[in-house]
C-alpha cells in the first residue's frame, strides 16, 4: 500500500520526470501557463477589437459610396404599394437625361408643328446651339476649377 501511495504522491508533487502532474503540492498555480493564457486572451481581444474597427470603417466606406452610387445611378427599393415588390427609384443621371430628352422632344415637336418641312434645319440649329452652349460652359467651369480666371 505504501508503494501505491508513493506513486500517487510523486504524481501529485511532479516528481514523475517528464509526465504532466495534476497539481504541484508546493505551488498549485502554474504561473507560466496562467501568464500564457492571460497574454493569449489579451492578444485575442485586441485582434477581435481591431477586426471590428476595420470592419466598421470598411462598412461605413462601402455604405457612403453605395449611397452616392444610388444617388447618381438610381436604385431598386422595396415597394410599399400593390403590384411589383420592388420599385426603381431614378437617380440624378436618370432625372437629368430624362429632362434633357423631354426638352428636346418638346422642342422638336413644337418646331415640327410650326415650321413643317423646315423643321429639320431648325432642329439641327437647336442641337448645335445646345452643344455650343454646353461646350462654352464646360470650358469656363474647367478654367475656373483648374486655376483660370
N, C-alpha and C. Protein backbone atom coordinates (compact mmCIF):
# COMPACT_ATOMS: atom_id res chain seq x y z
N UNK A 1 0.81 -1.17 0.00
CA UNK A 1 0.00 0.00 0.00
C UNK A 1 0.86 1.25 0.00
N UNK A 2 1.93 1.22 0.66
CA UNK A 2 2.79 2.39 0.69
C UNK A 2 3.41 2.65 -0.68
N UNK A 3 3.64 1.60 -1.48
CA UNK A 3 4.23 1.83 -2.79
C UNK A 3 3.26 2.53 -3.73
N UNK A 4 1.95 2.15 -3.64
CA UNK A 4 0.99 2.86 -4.50
C UNK A 4 0.77 4.27 -3.98
N UNK A 5 0.86 4.49 -2.68
CA UNK A 5 0.74 5.82 -2.12
C UNK A 5 1.91 6.69 -2.54
N UNK A 6 3.12 6.10 -2.60
CA UNK A 6 4.28 6.85 -3.05
C UNK A 6 4.14 7.24 -4.52
N UNK A 7 3.56 6.39 -5.34
CA UNK A 7 3.37 6.70 -6.76
C UNK A 7 2.39 7.85 -6.93
N UNK A 8 1.33 7.82 -6.13
CA UNK A 8 0.35 8.90 -6.21
C UNK A 8 0.97 10.20 -5.70
N UNK A 9 1.76 10.11 -4.62
CA UNK A 9 2.40 11.30 -4.09
C UNK A 9 3.42 11.87 -5.08
N UNK A 10 4.15 11.00 -5.77
CA UNK A 10 5.11 11.50 -6.74
C UNK A 10 4.38 12.10 -7.95
N UNK A 11 3.23 11.53 -8.32
CA UNK A 11 2.45 12.08 -9.43
C UNK A 11 1.90 13.46 -9.07
N UNK A 12 1.42 13.62 -7.85
CA UNK A 12 0.87 14.90 -7.42
C UNK A 12 1.97 15.94 -7.25
N UNK A 13 3.09 15.56 -6.72
CA UNK A 13 4.17 16.51 -6.48
C UNK A 13 4.99 16.83 -7.72
N UNK A 14 4.79 16.14 -8.80
CA UNK A 14 5.51 16.45 -10.02
C UNK A 14 6.87 15.83 -10.10
N UNK A 15 7.14 14.75 -9.37
CA UNK A 15 8.44 14.10 -9.43
C UNK A 15 8.40 12.95 -10.44
N UNK A 16 7.63 13.06 -11.46
CA UNK A 16 7.43 11.93 -12.36
C UNK A 16 8.35 11.99 -13.57
N UNK A 17 9.25 12.89 -13.63
CA UNK A 17 10.27 13.01 -14.67
C UNK A 17 9.69 12.91 -16.09
N UNK A 18 9.15 14.02 -16.56
CA UNK A 18 8.67 14.08 -17.93
C UNK A 18 7.17 14.01 -18.08
N UNK A 19 6.43 13.54 -17.10
CA UNK A 19 4.98 13.49 -17.22
C UNK A 19 4.39 14.77 -16.64
N UNK A 20 3.15 15.05 -17.00
CA UNK A 20 2.48 16.25 -16.50
C UNK A 20 1.72 15.92 -15.23
N UNK A 21 2.15 16.45 -14.10
CA UNK A 21 1.41 16.19 -12.85
C UNK A 21 0.12 16.99 -12.81
N UNK A 22 -0.84 16.52 -12.04
CA UNK A 22 -2.10 17.23 -11.89
C UNK A 22 -1.88 18.50 -11.09
N UNK A 23 -1.27 18.40 -9.92
CA UNK A 23 -1.08 19.54 -9.02
C UNK A 23 0.32 19.45 -8.43
N UNK A 24 0.97 20.58 -8.34
CA UNK A 24 2.24 20.65 -7.63
C UNK A 24 1.90 21.08 -6.21
N UNK A 25 2.17 20.24 -5.25
CA UNK A 25 1.75 20.49 -3.86
C UNK A 25 2.40 21.73 -3.28
N UNK A 26 3.63 22.06 -3.71
CA UNK A 26 4.29 23.22 -3.14
C UNK A 26 3.76 24.53 -3.77
N UNK A 27 3.33 24.50 -5.02
CA UNK A 27 2.80 25.69 -5.68
C UNK A 27 1.71 25.22 -6.65
N UNK A 28 0.45 25.22 -6.23
CA UNK A 28 -0.60 24.63 -7.04
C UNK A 28 -0.94 25.45 -8.30
N UNK A 29 -0.51 26.70 -8.40
CA UNK A 29 -0.80 27.51 -9.58
C UNK A 29 0.39 27.45 -10.53
N UNK A 30 0.13 27.07 -11.77
CA UNK A 30 1.18 27.05 -12.78
C UNK A 30 1.22 28.46 -13.38
N UNK A 31 2.10 29.28 -12.82
CA UNK A 31 2.12 30.70 -13.19
C UNK A 31 2.51 30.92 -14.64
N UNK A 32 3.36 30.10 -15.16
CA UNK A 32 3.75 30.22 -16.57
C UNK A 32 2.56 30.01 -17.50
N UNK A 33 1.80 28.94 -17.23
CA UNK A 33 0.62 28.66 -18.03
C UNK A 33 -0.46 29.74 -17.85
N UNK A 34 -0.61 30.21 -16.63
CA UNK A 34 -1.59 31.26 -16.37
C UNK A 34 -1.20 32.55 -17.11
N UNK A 35 0.08 32.88 -17.10
CA UNK A 35 0.54 34.06 -17.83
C UNK A 35 0.33 33.91 -19.33
N UNK A 36 0.62 32.72 -19.86
CA UNK A 36 0.38 32.47 -21.28
C UNK A 36 -1.11 32.61 -21.62
N UNK A 37 -1.96 32.11 -20.76
CA UNK A 37 -3.40 32.20 -21.00
C UNK A 37 -3.87 33.64 -20.98
N UNK A 38 -3.40 34.41 -20.00
CA UNK A 38 -3.78 35.83 -19.92
C UNK A 38 -3.26 36.59 -21.14
N UNK A 39 -2.01 36.35 -21.53
CA UNK A 39 -1.45 37.03 -22.69
C UNK A 39 -2.20 36.64 -23.97
N UNK A 40 -2.52 35.37 -24.12
CA UNK A 40 -3.28 34.93 -25.29
C UNK A 40 -4.66 35.57 -25.31
N UNK A 41 -5.29 35.69 -24.16
CA UNK A 41 -6.59 36.33 -24.07
C UNK A 41 -6.51 37.81 -24.45
N UNK A 42 -5.47 38.50 -23.99
CA UNK A 42 -5.29 39.91 -24.34
C UNK A 42 -5.07 40.06 -25.85
N UNK A 43 -4.24 39.19 -26.43
CA UNK A 43 -3.99 39.26 -27.87
C UNK A 43 -5.27 38.98 -28.66
N UNK A 44 -6.02 37.96 -28.24
CA UNK A 44 -7.26 37.62 -28.94
C UNK A 44 -8.28 38.76 -28.85
N UNK A 45 -8.37 39.40 -27.69
CA UNK A 45 -9.30 40.52 -27.53
C UNK A 45 -8.87 41.70 -28.39
N UNK A 46 -7.57 41.97 -28.44
CA UNK A 46 -7.07 43.07 -29.28
C UNK A 46 -7.33 42.79 -30.75
N UNK A 47 -7.08 41.56 -31.19
CA UNK A 47 -7.33 41.20 -32.59
C UNK A 47 -8.81 41.32 -32.92
N UNK A 48 -9.68 40.87 -32.02
CA UNK A 48 -11.12 41.00 -32.25
C UNK A 48 -11.54 42.46 -32.31
N UNK A 49 -10.98 43.28 -31.44
CA UNK A 49 -11.31 44.71 -31.46
C UNK A 49 -10.84 45.39 -32.73
N UNK A 50 -9.61 45.10 -33.15
CA UNK A 50 -9.08 45.69 -34.39
C UNK A 50 -9.91 45.21 -35.58
N UNK A 51 -10.28 43.95 -35.60
CA UNK A 51 -11.11 43.41 -36.68
C UNK A 51 -12.45 44.11 -36.72
N UNK A 52 -13.06 44.35 -35.58
CA UNK A 52 -14.34 45.05 -35.53
C UNK A 52 -14.22 46.49 -36.00
N UNK A 53 -13.14 47.17 -35.63
CA UNK A 53 -12.94 48.55 -36.05
C UNK A 53 -12.73 48.61 -37.56
N UNK A 54 -11.89 47.72 -38.10
CA UNK A 54 -11.66 47.69 -39.55
C UNK A 54 -12.95 47.36 -40.29
N UNK A 55 -13.72 46.43 -39.76
CA UNK A 55 -15.00 46.08 -40.38
C UNK A 55 -15.97 47.25 -40.35
N UNK A 56 -16.01 47.99 -39.26
CA UNK A 56 -16.90 49.15 -39.17
C UNK A 56 -16.47 50.25 -40.14
N UNK A 57 -15.17 50.50 -40.24
CA UNK A 57 -14.68 51.52 -41.17
C UNK A 57 -14.97 51.10 -42.61
N UNK A 58 -14.71 49.84 -42.93
CA UNK A 58 -15.00 49.35 -44.28
C UNK A 58 -16.48 49.41 -44.58
N UNK A 59 -17.30 49.03 -43.62
CA UNK A 59 -18.75 49.10 -43.82
C UNK A 59 -19.23 50.53 -44.03
N UNK A 60 -18.67 51.46 -43.28
CA UNK A 60 -19.06 52.87 -43.46
C UNK A 60 -18.62 53.38 -44.82
N UNK A 61 -17.42 53.02 -45.23
CA UNK A 61 -16.89 53.45 -46.52
C UNK A 61 -17.76 52.91 -47.66
N UNK A 62 -18.08 51.62 -47.59
CA UNK A 62 -18.93 51.00 -48.61
C UNK A 62 -20.33 51.61 -48.59
N UNK A 63 -20.83 51.90 -47.41
CA UNK A 63 -22.17 52.49 -47.29
C UNK A 63 -22.19 53.90 -47.88
N UNK A 64 -21.16 54.68 -47.64
CA UNK A 64 -21.11 56.04 -48.18
C UNK A 64 -21.07 55.99 -49.70
N UNK A 65 -20.17 55.18 -50.26
CA UNK A 65 -20.07 55.13 -51.71
C UNK A 65 -21.25 54.41 -52.34
N UNK A 66 -21.85 53.45 -51.64
CA UNK A 66 -23.06 52.82 -52.15
C UNK A 66 -24.22 53.79 -52.21
N UNK A 67 -24.33 54.64 -51.19
CA UNK A 67 -25.37 55.66 -51.20
C UNK A 67 -25.13 56.70 -52.28
N UNK A 68 -23.88 57.07 -52.47
CA UNK A 68 -23.54 58.03 -53.53
C UNK A 68 -23.84 57.44 -54.90
N UNK A 69 -23.53 56.16 -55.07
CA UNK A 69 -23.83 55.48 -56.33
C UNK A 69 -25.33 55.41 -56.57
N UNK A 70 -26.09 55.08 -55.54
CA UNK A 70 -27.55 55.03 -55.69
C UNK A 70 -28.11 56.42 -55.97
N UNK A 71 -27.51 57.46 -55.40
CA UNK A 71 -27.96 58.82 -55.66
C UNK A 71 -27.73 59.19 -57.12
N UNK A 72 -26.58 58.80 -57.66
CA UNK A 72 -26.27 59.14 -59.05
C UNK A 72 -27.01 58.25 -60.04
N UNK A 73 -26.99 56.94 -59.83
CA UNK A 73 -27.48 56.00 -60.82
C UNK A 73 -28.91 55.54 -60.58
N UNK A 74 -29.44 55.74 -59.40
CA UNK A 74 -30.75 55.21 -59.08
C UNK A 74 -30.61 53.90 -58.34
N UNK A 75 -31.72 53.40 -57.82
CA UNK A 75 -31.66 52.16 -57.05
C UNK A 75 -33.00 51.46 -57.10
N UNK A 76 -32.98 50.22 -56.67
CA UNK A 76 -34.20 49.42 -56.58
C UNK A 76 -34.54 49.29 -55.11
N UNK A 77 -35.75 49.70 -54.73
CA UNK A 77 -36.16 49.64 -53.34
C UNK A 77 -37.45 48.85 -53.22
N UNK A 78 -37.72 48.36 -52.04
CA UNK A 78 -38.94 47.60 -51.84
C UNK A 78 -40.14 48.51 -51.96
N UNK A 79 -41.18 47.97 -52.53
CA UNK A 79 -42.39 48.74 -52.78
C UNK A 79 -43.33 48.66 -51.59
N UNK A 80 -44.01 49.75 -51.32
CA UNK A 80 -44.97 49.74 -50.22
C UNK A 80 -46.40 49.57 -50.73
N UNK A 81 -46.58 49.67 -52.03
CA UNK A 81 -47.92 49.58 -52.60
C UNK A 81 -48.17 48.25 -53.28
N UNK A 82 -49.32 48.11 -53.89
CA UNK A 82 -49.63 46.87 -54.60
C UNK A 82 -48.84 46.77 -55.90
N UNK A 83 -48.75 45.58 -56.43
CA UNK A 83 -48.04 45.38 -57.69
C UNK A 83 -46.71 44.70 -57.45
N UNK A 84 -45.71 45.17 -58.14
CA UNK A 84 -44.39 44.57 -58.02
C UNK A 84 -43.80 44.80 -56.63
N UNK A 85 -43.01 43.84 -56.14
CA UNK A 85 -42.45 44.01 -54.79
C UNK A 85 -41.31 45.04 -54.73
N UNK A 86 -40.80 45.44 -55.90
CA UNK A 86 -39.70 46.40 -55.92
C UNK A 86 -40.02 47.54 -56.87
N UNK A 87 -39.58 48.73 -56.52
CA UNK A 87 -39.73 49.92 -57.37
C UNK A 87 -38.35 50.44 -57.72
N UNK A 88 -38.22 50.94 -58.95
CA UNK A 88 -36.98 51.58 -59.36
C UNK A 88 -37.09 53.06 -59.03
N UNK A 89 -36.12 53.56 -58.27
CA UNK A 89 -36.07 54.97 -57.91
C UNK A 89 -34.98 55.62 -58.77
N UNK A 90 -35.34 56.56 -59.62
CA UNK A 90 -34.33 57.14 -60.52
C UNK A 90 -33.32 57.99 -59.75
N UNK A 91 -32.11 58.01 -60.28
CA UNK A 91 -31.05 58.82 -59.71
C UNK A 91 -30.90 60.13 -60.46
N UNK A 92 -29.87 60.88 -60.11
CA UNK A 92 -29.63 62.19 -60.72
C UNK A 92 -29.38 62.05 -62.23
N UNK A 93 -28.62 61.06 -62.62
CA UNK A 93 -28.32 60.87 -64.04
C UNK A 93 -29.61 60.60 -64.82
N UNK A 94 -30.45 59.73 -64.29
CA UNK A 94 -31.72 59.43 -64.96
C UNK A 94 -32.60 60.67 -65.05
N UNK A 95 -32.65 61.43 -63.99
CA UNK A 95 -33.50 62.63 -63.97
C UNK A 95 -32.99 63.67 -64.97
N UNK A 96 -31.67 63.89 -65.00
CA UNK A 96 -31.10 64.89 -65.91
C UNK A 96 -31.27 64.46 -67.36
N UNK A 97 -30.91 63.22 -67.66
CA UNK A 97 -31.05 62.74 -69.04
C UNK A 97 -32.51 62.70 -69.45
N UNK A 98 -33.38 62.30 -68.54
CA UNK A 98 -34.81 62.31 -68.85
C UNK A 98 -35.33 63.71 -69.11
N UNK A 99 -34.88 64.67 -68.33
CA UNK A 99 -35.31 66.06 -68.52
C UNK A 99 -34.80 66.64 -69.83
N UNK A 100 -33.54 66.35 -70.15
CA UNK A 100 -32.97 66.85 -71.40
C UNK A 100 -33.68 66.21 -72.59
N UNK A 101 -33.89 64.91 -72.55
CA UNK A 101 -34.57 64.25 -73.68
C UNK A 101 -36.01 64.74 -73.81
N UNK A 102 -36.70 65.01 -72.71
CA UNK A 102 -38.05 65.56 -72.77
C UNK A 102 -38.04 66.96 -73.36
N UNK A 103 -37.06 67.77 -72.97
CA UNK A 103 -36.96 69.13 -73.51
C UNK A 103 -36.69 69.11 -75.01
N UNK A 104 -35.76 68.24 -75.45
CA UNK A 104 -35.50 68.13 -76.89
C UNK A 104 -36.73 67.61 -77.63
N UNK A 105 -37.40 66.63 -77.06
CA UNK A 105 -38.61 66.10 -77.70
C UNK A 105 -39.68 67.15 -77.86
N UNK A 106 -39.88 67.95 -76.80
CA UNK A 106 -40.88 69.02 -76.88
C UNK A 106 -40.46 70.09 -77.89
N UNK A 107 -39.18 70.45 -77.90
CA UNK A 107 -38.71 71.46 -78.85
C UNK A 107 -38.85 70.96 -80.29
N UNK A 108 -38.52 69.70 -80.53
CA UNK A 108 -38.63 69.16 -81.88
C UNK A 108 -40.09 69.03 -82.32
N UNK A 109 -40.95 68.63 -81.40
CA UNK A 109 -42.37 68.52 -81.78
C UNK A 109 -42.97 69.91 -82.03
N UNK A 110 -42.57 70.91 -81.27
CA UNK A 110 -43.05 72.27 -81.48
C UNK A 110 -42.57 72.81 -82.83
N UNK A 111 -41.26 72.61 -83.12
CA UNK A 111 -40.75 73.11 -84.40
C UNK A 111 -41.37 72.35 -85.57
N UNK A 112 -41.66 71.08 -85.41
CA UNK A 112 -42.31 70.32 -86.48
C UNK A 112 -43.71 70.86 -86.74
N UNK A 113 -44.42 71.21 -85.67
CA UNK A 113 -45.78 71.73 -85.83
C UNK A 113 -45.76 73.15 -86.41
N UNK A 114 -44.76 73.95 -86.08
CA UNK A 114 -44.74 75.34 -86.52
C UNK A 114 -44.10 75.54 -87.90
N UNK A 115 -43.03 74.75 -88.17
CA UNK A 115 -42.27 75.03 -89.38
C UNK A 115 -42.47 73.99 -90.48
N UNK A 116 -43.12 72.90 -90.18
CA UNK A 116 -43.42 71.89 -91.19
C UNK A 116 -42.17 71.29 -91.77
N UNK A 117 -41.97 71.45 -93.08
CA UNK A 117 -40.85 70.86 -93.79
C UNK A 117 -39.51 71.47 -93.38
N UNK A 118 -39.54 72.70 -92.90
CA UNK A 118 -38.30 73.37 -92.48
C UNK A 118 -37.92 73.05 -91.03
N UNK A 119 -38.57 72.07 -90.43
CA UNK A 119 -38.28 71.70 -89.04
C UNK A 119 -36.90 71.06 -88.92
N UNK A 120 -36.44 70.35 -89.94
CA UNK A 120 -35.13 69.70 -89.87
C UNK A 120 -34.00 70.71 -89.68
N UNK A 121 -33.91 71.80 -90.46
CA UNK A 121 -32.85 72.77 -90.18
C UNK A 121 -33.01 73.46 -88.82
N UNK A 122 -34.25 73.69 -88.41
CA UNK A 122 -34.47 74.32 -87.09
C UNK A 122 -34.03 73.38 -85.98
N UNK A 123 -34.36 72.08 -86.09
CA UNK A 123 -33.94 71.10 -85.07
C UNK A 123 -32.43 70.95 -85.04
N UNK A 124 -31.79 70.97 -86.21
CA UNK A 124 -30.33 70.91 -86.27
C UNK A 124 -29.72 72.13 -85.60
N UNK A 125 -30.31 73.30 -85.83
CA UNK A 125 -29.81 74.52 -85.19
C UNK A 125 -29.98 74.45 -83.67
N UNK A 126 -31.09 73.88 -83.21
CA UNK A 126 -31.31 73.72 -81.76
C UNK A 126 -30.22 72.84 -81.16
N UNK A 127 -29.93 71.72 -81.81
CA UNK A 127 -28.91 70.80 -81.28
C UNK A 127 -27.53 71.45 -81.31
N UNK A 128 -27.17 72.12 -82.41
CA UNK A 128 -25.86 72.75 -82.49
C UNK A 128 -25.72 73.88 -81.47
N UNK A 129 -26.77 74.66 -81.26
CA UNK A 129 -26.73 75.72 -80.25
C UNK A 129 -26.58 75.13 -78.85
N UNK A 130 -27.26 74.03 -78.58
CA UNK A 130 -27.14 73.39 -77.27
C UNK A 130 -25.73 72.86 -77.04
N UNK A 131 -25.14 72.23 -78.08
CA UNK A 131 -23.77 71.72 -77.95
C UNK A 131 -22.79 72.87 -77.76
N UNK A 132 -22.98 73.97 -78.45
CA UNK A 132 -22.10 75.13 -78.30
C UNK A 132 -22.20 75.71 -76.89
N UNK A 133 -23.40 75.87 -76.40
CA UNK A 133 -23.59 76.41 -75.05
C UNK A 133 -22.97 75.48 -74.01
N UNK A 134 -23.17 74.18 -74.16
CA UNK A 134 -22.58 73.21 -73.23
C UNK A 134 -21.06 73.26 -73.30
N UNK A 135 -20.50 73.36 -74.49
CA UNK A 135 -19.04 73.41 -74.65
C UNK A 135 -18.45 74.66 -74.00
N UNK A 136 -19.06 75.81 -74.24
CA UNK A 136 -18.56 77.05 -73.64
C UNK A 136 -18.68 77.00 -72.11
N UNK A 137 -19.79 76.47 -71.64
CA UNK A 137 -19.98 76.37 -70.19
C UNK A 137 -18.98 75.43 -69.53
N UNK A 138 -18.71 74.28 -70.16
CA UNK A 138 -17.73 73.35 -69.61
C UNK A 138 -16.32 73.93 -69.65
N UNK A 139 -15.98 74.65 -70.72
CA UNK A 139 -14.65 75.27 -70.79
C UNK A 139 -14.49 76.34 -69.71
N UNK A 140 -15.53 77.12 -69.48
CA UNK A 140 -15.45 78.16 -68.45
C UNK A 140 -15.34 77.55 -67.06
N UNK A 141 -16.12 76.49 -66.81
CA UNK A 141 -16.05 75.86 -65.49
C UNK A 141 -14.72 75.15 -65.28
N UNK A 142 -14.17 74.53 -66.34
CA UNK A 142 -12.86 73.89 -66.21
C UNK A 142 -11.77 74.92 -65.98
N UNK A 143 -11.87 76.04 -66.65
CA UNK A 143 -10.90 77.11 -66.45
C UNK A 143 -10.95 77.63 -65.03
N UNK A 144 -12.14 77.81 -64.51
CA UNK A 144 -12.32 78.31 -63.14
C UNK A 144 -11.85 77.26 -62.12
N UNK A 145 -12.14 76.01 -62.39
CA UNK A 145 -11.79 74.93 -61.45
C UNK A 145 -10.29 74.71 -61.39
N UNK A 146 -9.60 74.81 -62.50
CA UNK A 146 -8.17 74.50 -62.52
C UNK A 146 -7.29 75.74 -62.54
N UNK A 147 -7.77 76.83 -61.96
CA UNK A 147 -6.89 77.98 -61.72
C UNK A 147 -7.04 79.12 -62.68
N UNK A 148 -7.95 79.06 -63.60
CA UNK A 148 -8.13 80.17 -64.51
C UNK A 148 -8.99 81.24 -63.87
N UNK A 149 -9.15 82.34 -64.57
CA UNK A 149 -9.93 83.45 -64.04
C UNK A 149 -11.32 83.35 -64.48
